[in-house]
């Protein structure tokens, strides 16, 4: 959680405002939204792997 907070402060965006900034064409928002999407994807993959291991 501390890492996420540090990244949000460093970027100057919260997730909702980052999407708005992306739509407005702010270049800084592109990297933030890409990193946010990558984090969501990694989390989902880890959760699926964890679930599959518990069911086995």
PDB file of N, CA and C in Angstrom:
ATOM      1  N   UNK A   1       0.821  -1.189   0.000  1.00  0.00           N
ATOM      2  CA  UNK A   1       0.000   0.000   0.000  1.00  0.00           C
ATOM      3  C   UNK A   1       0.864   1.250   0.000  1.00  0.00           C
ATOM      4  N   UNK A   2       1.978   1.194   0.722  1.00  0.00           N
ATOM      5  CA  UNK A   2       2.864   2.350   0.785  1.00  0.00           C
ATOM      6  C   UNK A   2       3.466   2.658  -0.584  1.00  0.00           C
ATOM      7  N   UNK A   3       3.759   1.611  -1.348  1.00  0.00           N
ATOM      8  CA  UNK A   3       4.321   1.820  -2.682  1.00  0.00           C
ATOM      9  C   UNK A   3       3.293   2.506  -3.575  1.00  0.00           C
ATOM     10  N   UNK A   4       2.054   2.056  -3.517  1.00  0.00           N
ATOM     11  CA  UNK A   4       1.000   2.674  -4.317  1.00  0.00           C
ATOM     12  C   UNK A   4       0.828   4.136  -3.949  1.00  0.00           C
ATOM     13  N   UNK A   5       0.800   4.441  -2.681  1.00  0.00           N
ATOM     14  CA  UNK A   5       0.657   5.819  -2.227  1.00  0.00           C
ATOM     15  C   UNK A   5       1.818   6.673  -2.721  1.00  0.00           C
ATOM     16  N   UNK A   6       3.028   6.146  -2.637  1.00  0.00           N
ATOM     17  CA  UNK A   6       4.198   6.891  -3.101  1.00  0.00           C
ATOM     18  C   UNK A   6       4.109   7.164  -4.598  1.00  0.00           C
ATOM     19  N   UNK A   7       3.656   6.192  -5.364  1.00  0.00           N
ATOM     20  CA  UNK A   7       3.532   6.393  -6.806  1.00  0.00           C
ATOM     21  C   UNK A   7       2.445   7.405  -7.150  1.00  0.00           C
ATOM     22  N   UNK A   8       1.337   7.348  -6.418  1.00  0.00           N
ATOM     23  CA  UNK A   8       0.270   8.319  -6.667  1.00  0.00           C
ATOM     24  C   UNK A   8       0.743   9.734  -6.384  1.00  0.00           C
ATOM     25  N   UNK A   9       1.471   9.913  -5.291  1.00  0.00           N
ATOM     26  CA  UNK A   9       1.979  11.238  -4.941  1.00  0.00           C
ATOM     27  C   UNK A   9       3.004  11.687  -5.960  1.00  0.00           C
ATOM     28  N   UNK A  10       3.884  10.796  -6.364  1.00  0.00           N
ATOM     29  CA  UNK A  10       4.936  11.130  -7.328  1.00  0.00           C
ATOM     30  C   UNK A  10       4.340  11.539  -8.670  1.00  0.00           C
ATOM     31  N   UNK A  11       3.341  10.823  -9.131  1.00  0.00           N
ATOM     32  CA  UNK A  11       2.734  11.112 -10.428  1.00  0.00           C
ATOM     33  C   UNK A  11       1.807  12.315 -10.370  1.00  0.00           C
ATOM     34  N   UNK A  12       1.238  12.567  -9.220  1.00  0.00           N
ATOM     35  CA  UNK A  12       0.316  13.680  -9.105  1.00  0.00           C
ATOM     36  C   UNK A  12      -1.097  13.356  -9.553  1.00  0.00           C
ATOM     37  N   UNK A  13      -1.410  12.075  -9.663  1.00  0.00           N
ATOM     38  CA  UNK A  13      -2.731  11.651 -10.114  1.00  0.00           C
ATOM     39  C   UNK A  13      -3.320  10.661  -9.118  1.00  0.00           C
ATOM     40  N   UNK A  14      -4.633  10.618  -9.078  1.00  0.00           N
ATOM     41  CA  UNK A  14      -5.335   9.488  -8.493  1.00  0.00           C
ATOM     42  C   UNK A  14      -5.883   8.731  -9.709  1.00  0.00           C
ATOM     43  N   UNK A  15      -6.290   7.490  -9.586  1.00  0.00           N
ATOM     44  CA  UNK A  15      -6.704   6.729 -10.770  1.00  0.00           C
ATOM     45  C   UNK A  15      -7.817   7.387 -11.594  1.00  0.00           C
ATOM     46  N   UNK A  16      -8.824   7.920 -10.954  1.00  0.00           N
ATOM     47  CA  UNK A  16      -9.917   8.543 -11.697  1.00  0.00           C
ATOM     48  C   UNK A  16      -9.483   9.767 -12.481  1.00  0.00           C
ATOM     49  N   UNK A  17      -8.743  10.627 -11.833  1.00  0.00           N
ATOM     50  CA  UNK A  17      -8.266  11.841 -12.509  1.00  0.00           C
ATOM     51  C   UNK A  17      -7.233  11.525 -13.580  1.00  0.00           C
ATOM     52  N   UNK A  18      -6.503  10.438 -13.416  1.00  0.00           N
ATOM     53  CA  UNK A  18      -5.539  10.030 -14.432  1.00  0.00           C
ATOM     54  C   UNK A  18      -6.255   9.672 -15.728  1.00  0.00           C
ATOM     55  N   UNK A  19      -7.407   9.019 -15.618  1.00  0.00           N
ATOM     56  CA  UNK A  19      -8.170   8.677 -16.823  1.00  0.00           C
ATOM     57  C   UNK A  19      -8.686   9.931 -17.517  1.00  0.00           C
ATOM     58  N   UNK A  20      -9.109  10.908 -16.744  1.00  0.00           N
ATOM     59  CA  UNK A  20      -9.557  12.179 -17.321  1.00  0.00           C
ATOM     60  C   UNK A  20      -8.387  12.887 -17.995  1.00  0.00           C
ATOM     61  N   UNK A  21      -7.234  12.903 -17.312  1.00  0.00           N
ATOM     62  CA  UNK A  21      -6.041  13.539 -17.874  1.00  0.00           C
ATOM     63  C   UNK A  21      -5.594  12.832 -19.149  1.00  0.00           C
ATOM     64  N   UNK A  22      -5.728  11.518 -19.178  1.00  0.00           N
ATOM     65  CA  UNK A  22      -5.393  10.760 -20.384  1.00  0.00           C
ATOM     66  C   UNK A  22      -6.280  11.205 -21.543  1.00  0.00           C
ATOM     67  N   UNK A  23      -7.569  11.338 -21.266  1.00  0.00           N
ATOM     68  CA  UNK A  23      -8.498  11.796 -22.300  1.00  0.00           C
ATOM     69  C   UNK A  23      -8.219  13.219 -22.759  1.00  0.00           C
ATOM     70  N   UNK A  24      -7.660  14.022 -21.854  1.00  0.00           N
ATOM     71  CA  UNK A  24      -7.332  15.410 -22.201  1.00  0.00           C
ATOM     72  C   UNK A  24      -5.982  15.510 -22.904  1.00  0.00           C
ATOM     73  N   UNK A  25      -5.253  14.397 -22.979  1.00  0.00           N
ATOM     74  CA  UNK A  25      -4.010  14.376 -23.731  1.00  0.00           C
ATOM     75  C   UNK A  25      -2.755  14.716 -22.947  1.00  0.00           C
ATOM     76  N   UNK A  26      -2.789  14.596 -21.627  1.00  0.00           N
ATOM     77  CA  UNK A  26      -1.590  14.864 -20.827  1.00  0.00           C
ATOM     78  C   UNK A  26      -0.608  13.702 -20.979  1.00  0.00           C
ATOM     79  N   UNK A  27       0.610  13.966 -21.448  1.00  0.00           N
ATOM     80  CA  UNK A  27       1.567  12.879 -21.660  1.00  0.00           C
ATOM     81  C   UNK A  27       1.915  12.127 -20.370  1.00  0.00           C
ATOM     82  N   UNK A  28       1.978  12.822 -19.255  1.00  0.00           N
ATOM     83  CA  UNK A  28       2.316  12.187 -17.979  1.00  0.00           C
ATOM     84  C   UNK A  28       1.274  11.134 -17.608  1.00  0.00           C
ATOM     85  N   UNK A  29       0.044  11.340 -18.027  1.00  0.00           N
ATOM     86  CA  UNK A  29      -1.033  10.412 -17.697  1.00  0.00           C
ATOM     87  C   UNK A  29      -0.893   9.093 -18.446  1.00  0.00           C
ATOM     88  N   UNK A  30      -0.269   9.122 -19.617  1.00  0.00           N
ATOM     89  CA  UNK A  30      -0.111   7.899 -20.409  1.00  0.00           C
ATOM     90  C   UNK A  30       0.686   6.860 -19.619  1.00  0.00           C
ATOM     91  N   UNK A  31       1.812   7.269 -19.082  1.00  0.00           N
ATOM     92  CA  UNK A  31       2.640   6.354 -18.307  1.00  0.00           C
ATOM     93  C   UNK A  31       1.943   5.874 -17.051  1.00  0.00           C
ATOM     94  N   UNK A  32       1.251   6.781 -16.392  1.00  0.00           N
ATOM     95  CA  UNK A  32       0.552   6.420 -15.160  1.00  0.00           C
ATOM     96  C   UNK A  32      -0.540   5.400 -15.434  1.00  0.00           C
ATOM     97  N   UNK A  33      -1.346   5.635 -16.450  1.00  0.00           N
ATOM     98  CA  UNK A  33      -2.445   4.715 -16.768  1.00  0.00           C
ATOM     99  C   UNK A  33      -1.892   3.374 -17.251  1.00  0.00           C
ATOM    100  N   UNK A  34      -0.799   3.407 -18.013  1.00  0.00           N
ATOM    101  CA  UNK A  34      -0.175   2.154 -18.464  1.00  0.00           C
ATOM    102  C   UNK A  34       0.330   1.353 -17.267  1.00  0.00           C
ATOM    103  N   UNK A  35       0.977   2.024 -16.321  1.00  0.00           N
ATOM    104  CA  UNK A  35       1.471   1.341 -15.124  1.00  0.00           C
ATOM    105  C   UNK A  35       0.321   0.816 -14.279  1.00  0.00           C
ATOM    106  N   UNK A  36      -0.751   1.591 -14.199  1.00  0.00           N
ATOM    107  CA  UNK A  36      -1.922   1.163 -13.436  1.00  0.00           C
ATOM    108  C   UNK A  36      -2.542  -0.092 -14.079  1.00  0.00           C
ATOM    109  N   UNK A  37      -2.651  -0.096 -15.399  1.00  0.00           N
ATOM    110  CA  UNK A  37      -3.200  -1.261 -16.105  1.00  0.00           C
ATOM    111  C   UNK A  37      -2.297  -2.480 -15.934  1.00  0.00           C
ATOM    112  N   UNK A  38      -0.989  -2.267 -15.974  1.00  0.00           N
ATOM    113  CA  UNK A  38      -0.051  -3.377 -15.768  1.00  0.00           C
ATOM    114  C   UNK A  38      -0.189  -3.945 -14.360  1.00  0.00           C
ATOM    115  N   UNK A  39      -0.334  -3.075 -13.379  1.00  0.00           N
ATOM    116  CA  UNK A  39      -0.509  -3.525 -11.996  1.00  0.00           C
ATOM    117  C   UNK A  39      -1.793  -4.316 -11.809  1.00  0.00           C
ATOM    118  N   UNK A  40      -2.851  -3.853 -12.430  1.00  0.00           N
ATOM    119  CA  UNK A  40      -4.132  -4.572 -12.351  1.00  0.00           C
ATOM    120  C   UNK A  40      -4.001  -5.951 -12.994  1.00  0.00           C
ATOM    121  N   UNK A  41      -3.319  -6.019 -14.125  1.00  0.00           N
ATOM    122  CA  UNK A  41      -3.135  -7.287 -14.834  1.00  0.00           C
ATOM    123  C   UNK A  41      -2.307  -8.266 -14.009  1.00  0.00           C
ATOM    124  N   UNK A  42      -1.204  -7.791 -13.443  1.00  0.00           N
ATOM    125  CA  UNK A  42      -0.351  -8.655 -12.618  1.00  0.00           C
ATOM    126  C   UNK A  42      -1.130  -9.166 -11.407  1.00  0.00           C
ATOM    127  N   UNK A  43      -1.878  -8.292 -10.762  1.00  0.00           N
ATOM    128  CA  UNK A  43      -2.679  -8.704  -9.608  1.00  0.00           C
ATOM    129  C   UNK A  43      -3.670  -9.792 -10.005  1.00  0.00           C
ATOM    130  N   UNK A  44      -4.346  -9.596 -11.116  1.00  0.00           N
ATOM    131  CA  UNK A  44      -5.340 -10.576 -11.564  1.00  0.00           C
ATOM    132  C   UNK A  44      -4.686 -11.927 -11.862  1.00  0.00           C
ATOM    133  N   UNK A  45      -3.545 -11.909 -12.526  1.00  0.00           N
ATOM    134  CA  UNK A  45      -2.841 -13.155 -12.832  1.00  0.00           C
ATOM    135  C   UNK A  45      -2.400 -13.879 -11.562  1.00  0.00           C
ATOM    136  N   UNK A  46      -1.904 -13.126 -10.589  1.00  0.00           N
ATOM    137  CA  UNK A  46      -1.491 -13.730  -9.324  1.00  0.00           C
ATOM    138  C   UNK A  46      -2.677 -14.326  -8.570  1.00  0.00           C
ATOM    139  N   UNK A  47      -3.797 -13.636  -8.579  1.00  0.00           N
ATOM    140  CA  UNK A  47      -4.994 -14.141  -7.909  1.00  0.00           C
ATOM    141  C   UNK A  47      -5.511 -15.412  -8.580  1.00  0.00           C
ATOM    142  N   UNK A  48      -5.461 -15.452  -9.902  1.00  0.00           N
ATOM    143  CA  UNK A  48      -5.900 -16.662 -10.613  1.00  0.00           C
ATOM    144  C   UNK A  48      -4.991 -17.839 -10.304  1.00  0.00           C
ATOM    145  N   UNK A  49      -3.680 -17.578 -10.272  1.00  0.00           N
ATOM    146  CA  UNK A  49      -2.725 -18.650  -9.956  1.00  0.00           C
ATOM    147  C   UNK A  49      -2.953 -19.145  -8.522  1.00  0.00           C
ATOM    148  N   UNK A  50      -3.179 -18.231  -7.615  1.00  0.00           N
ATOM    149  CA  UNK A  50      -3.435 -18.595  -6.215  1.00  0.00           C
ATOM    150  C   UNK A  50      -4.708 -19.445  -6.110  1.00  0.00           C
ATOM    151  N   UNK A  51      -5.740 -19.034  -6.813  1.00  0.00           N
ATOM    152  CA  UNK A  51      -7.003 -19.765  -6.786  1.00  0.00           C
ATOM    153  C   UNK A  51      -6.835 -21.165  -7.374  1.00  0.00           C
ATOM    154  N   UNK A  52      -6.072 -21.275  -8.464  1.00  0.00           N
ATOM    155  CA  UNK A  52      -5.852 -22.574  -9.090  1.00  0.00           C
ATOM    156  C   UNK A  52      -5.069 -23.499  -8.173  1.00  0.00           C
ATOM    157  N   UNK A  53      -4.112 -22.962  -7.439  1.00  0.00           N
ATOM    158  CA  UNK A  53      -3.320 -23.771  -6.515  1.00  0.00           C
ATOM    159  C   UNK A  53      -4.171 -24.251  -5.340  1.00  0.00           C
ATOM    160  N   UNK A  54      -5.102 -23.422  -4.881  1.00  0.00           N
ATOM    161  CA  UNK A  54      -5.968 -23.808  -3.768  1.00  0.00           C
ATOM    162  C   UNK A  54      -6.948 -24.894  -4.184  1.00  0.00           C
ATOM    163  N   UNK A  55      -7.381 -24.902  -5.439  1.00  0.00           N
ATOM    164  CA  UNK A  55      -8.331 -25.881  -5.905  1.00  0.00           C
ATOM    165  C   UNK A  55      -7.686 -27.226  -6.220  1.00  0.00           C
ATOM    166  N   UNK A  56      -6.385 -27.208  -6.443  1.00  0.00           N
ATOM    167  CA  UNK A  56      -5.669 -28.453  -6.814  1.00  0.00           C
ATOM    168  C   UNK A  56      -5.423 -29.348  -5.622  1.00  0.00           C
TER     169      UNK A  56
END
